[in-house]
Amino acid sequence: MKILKLFFAILFVFAITQKTSAQISTDKAERGIKTEKIQVSGSCDMDKHRIEKASRSVSGVKSAVWDLDSKILTVKYDSYKKNTMDLVQQKVAEKGNDTEKYKASDEAYDKLPECCHYRTLKE
């Protein structure tokens, strides 16, 4: 009976140690990662692909997801990198999609496929 109690005690300590270890690893992975959201104009899945690819090309960006319905780009990046979100917005605008801070040049916008044109005639 003592052996059985000792076995369960060791098993319990092992389980607690493993759970704590997993939490520490997750915390380390998330430390230094910042998440920001910005508005980016677009109208189709081709825009989604272009916006996300341009965003991920910026050094320090871990992930970029653009939602077609809300027109919101969610970017996760290393917080120690300076001007990351500014660079993301510049890259996206260079590819033809307007952001909160930068408007795409007419040349870049005109190169987009017809289905990607989101500007109205007034603009």
Protein backbone atom coordinates (compact mmCIF):
# COMPACT_ATOMS: atom_id res chain seq x y z
CA MET A 1 0.00 0.00 0.00
CA LYS A 2 2.89 2.36 0.78
CA ILE A 3 4.31 1.74 -2.66
CA LEU A 4 0.98 2.61 -4.25
CA LYS A 5 0.76 5.89 -2.28
CA LEU A 6 4.35 6.72 -3.19
CA PHE A 7 3.62 5.99 -6.86
CA PHE A 8 0.61 8.35 -6.88
CA ALA A 9 2.55 11.04 -5.05
CA ILE A 10 5.35 10.88 -7.62
CA LEU A 11 2.81 10.87 -10.47
CA PHE A 12 1.08 13.92 -8.97
CA VAL A 13 4.36 15.86 -8.63
CA PHE A 14 5.33 14.92 -12.18
CA ALA A 15 1.96 16.11 -13.56
CA ILE A 16 2.20 19.45 -11.72
CA THR A 17 5.77 20.00 -12.93
CA GLN A 18 4.85 19.32 -16.56
CA LYS A 19 1.89 21.71 -16.50
CA THR A 20 4.00 24.50 -15.00
CA SER A 21 6.72 23.86 -17.56
CA ALA A 22 4.24 24.10 -20.45
CA GLN A 23 2.87 27.41 -19.14
CA ILE A 24 6.35 28.90 -18.88
CA SER A 25 7.14 27.89 -22.48
CA THR A 26 3.94 29.52 -23.73
CA ASP A 27 4.64 32.71 -21.78
CA LYS A 28 8.14 32.92 -23.27
CA ALA A 29 6.73 32.47 -26.78
CA GLU A 30 4.21 35.30 -26.28
CA ARG A 31 6.59 37.67 -24.51
CA GLY A 32 7.64 40.52 -26.76
CA ILE A 33 4.81 39.97 -29.26
CA LYS A 34 2.50 42.91 -29.87
CA THR A 35 -0.85 42.85 -31.69
CA GLU A 36 -2.31 45.84 -33.54
CA LYS A 37 -5.28 46.32 -35.82
CA ILE A 38 -5.60 48.79 -38.68
CA GLN A 39 -8.16 49.57 -41.35
CA VAL A 40 -7.13 48.53 -44.88
CA SER A 41 -9.29 49.04 -47.99
CA GLY A 42 -10.01 46.10 -50.26
CA SER A 43 -12.84 44.20 -51.86
CA CYS A 44 -11.95 40.56 -52.56
CA ASP A 45 -9.91 37.49 -51.69
CA MET A 46 -7.12 38.61 -54.02
CA ASP A 47 -6.80 41.74 -51.86
CA LYS A 48 -6.65 39.54 -48.75
CA HIS A 49 -3.76 37.54 -50.17
CA ARG A 50 -1.88 40.66 -51.34
CA ILE A 51 -2.39 42.56 -48.05
CA GLU A 52 -1.32 39.65 -45.87
CA LYS A 53 1.71 38.84 -48.04
CA ALA A 54 2.88 42.47 -48.06
CA SER A 55 2.45 42.68 -44.29
CA ARG A 56 4.38 39.47 -43.62
CA SER A 57 7.26 40.74 -45.76
CA VAL A 58 8.10 43.32 -43.07
CA SER A 59 10.85 42.18 -40.71
CA GLY A 60 9.52 41.24 -37.28
CA VAL A 61 5.95 40.47 -38.40
CA LYS A 62 4.87 37.09 -37.06
CA SER A 63 1.39 36.97 -38.56
CA ALA A 64 -1.00 39.14 -40.54
CA VAL A 65 -4.68 38.42 -41.11
CA TRP A 66 -7.02 40.71 -43.05
CA ASP A 67 -10.77 40.29 -42.62
CA LEU A 68 -12.69 40.98 -45.82
CA ASP A 69 -15.94 41.90 -44.06
CA SER A 70 -14.58 44.33 -41.46
CA LYS A 71 -11.59 45.51 -43.56
CA ILE A 72 -9.40 45.11 -40.45
CA LEU A 73 -5.81 43.88 -40.66
CA THR A 74 -4.59 42.22 -37.46
CA VAL A 75 -0.79 42.13 -37.21
CA LYS A 76 1.30 40.32 -34.59
CA TYR A 77 4.91 41.44 -34.49
CA ASP A 78 8.03 41.65 -32.32
CA SER A 79 7.51 44.61 -30.02
CA TYR A 80 11.22 45.47 -30.01
CA LYS A 81 11.12 46.33 -33.72
CA LYS A 82 10.61 50.04 -34.26
CA ASN A 83 8.15 51.46 -36.81
CA THR A 84 6.82 48.01 -37.72
CA MET A 85 3.23 49.12 -38.20
CA ASP A 86 4.30 52.14 -40.20
CA LEU A 87 6.35 49.88 -42.48
CA VAL A 88 3.43 47.46 -42.81
CA GLN A 89 1.14 50.28 -43.92
CA GLN A 90 3.74 51.53 -46.41
CA LYS A 91 4.19 48.04 -47.93
CA VAL A 92 0.45 47.50 -48.24
CA ALA A 93 -0.02 50.91 -49.89
CA GLU A 94 2.86 50.20 -52.29
CA LYS A 95 0.95 47.11 -53.45
CA GLY A 96 -2.21 49.14 -54.16
CA ASN A 97 -4.39 49.06 -51.03
CA ASP A 98 -5.13 52.15 -48.94
CA THR A 99 -4.41 52.04 -45.20
CA GLU A 100 -5.28 54.35 -42.32
CA LYS A 101 -2.04 56.27 -42.79
CA TYR A 102 -1.08 55.84 -46.45
CA LYS A 103 -3.08 56.04 -49.67
CA ALA A 104 -1.90 53.82 -52.50
CA SER A 105 -0.57 55.68 -55.50
CA ASP A 106 -2.86 55.84 -58.52
CA GLU A 107 -0.31 53.80 -60.48
CA ALA A 108 -0.27 50.99 -57.89
CA TYR A 109 -4.07 51.04 -57.57
CA ASP A 110 -4.57 50.96 -61.36
CA LYS A 111 -2.38 47.85 -61.59
CA LEU A 112 -4.81 45.91 -59.40
CA PRO A 113 -7.17 43.47 -61.13
CA GLU A 114 -10.65 44.91 -61.78
CA CYS A 115 -12.23 42.84 -59.00
CA CYS A 116 -9.87 44.49 -56.52
CA HIS A 117 -10.90 48.07 -57.34
CA TYR A 118 -12.66 49.48 -54.29
CA ARG A 119 -12.43 53.24 -54.82
CA THR A 120 -15.56 55.06 -55.93
CA LEU A 121 -15.59 57.60 -58.76
CA LYS A 122 -15.64 60.49 -56.23
CA GLU A 123 -12.21 59.54 -54.90
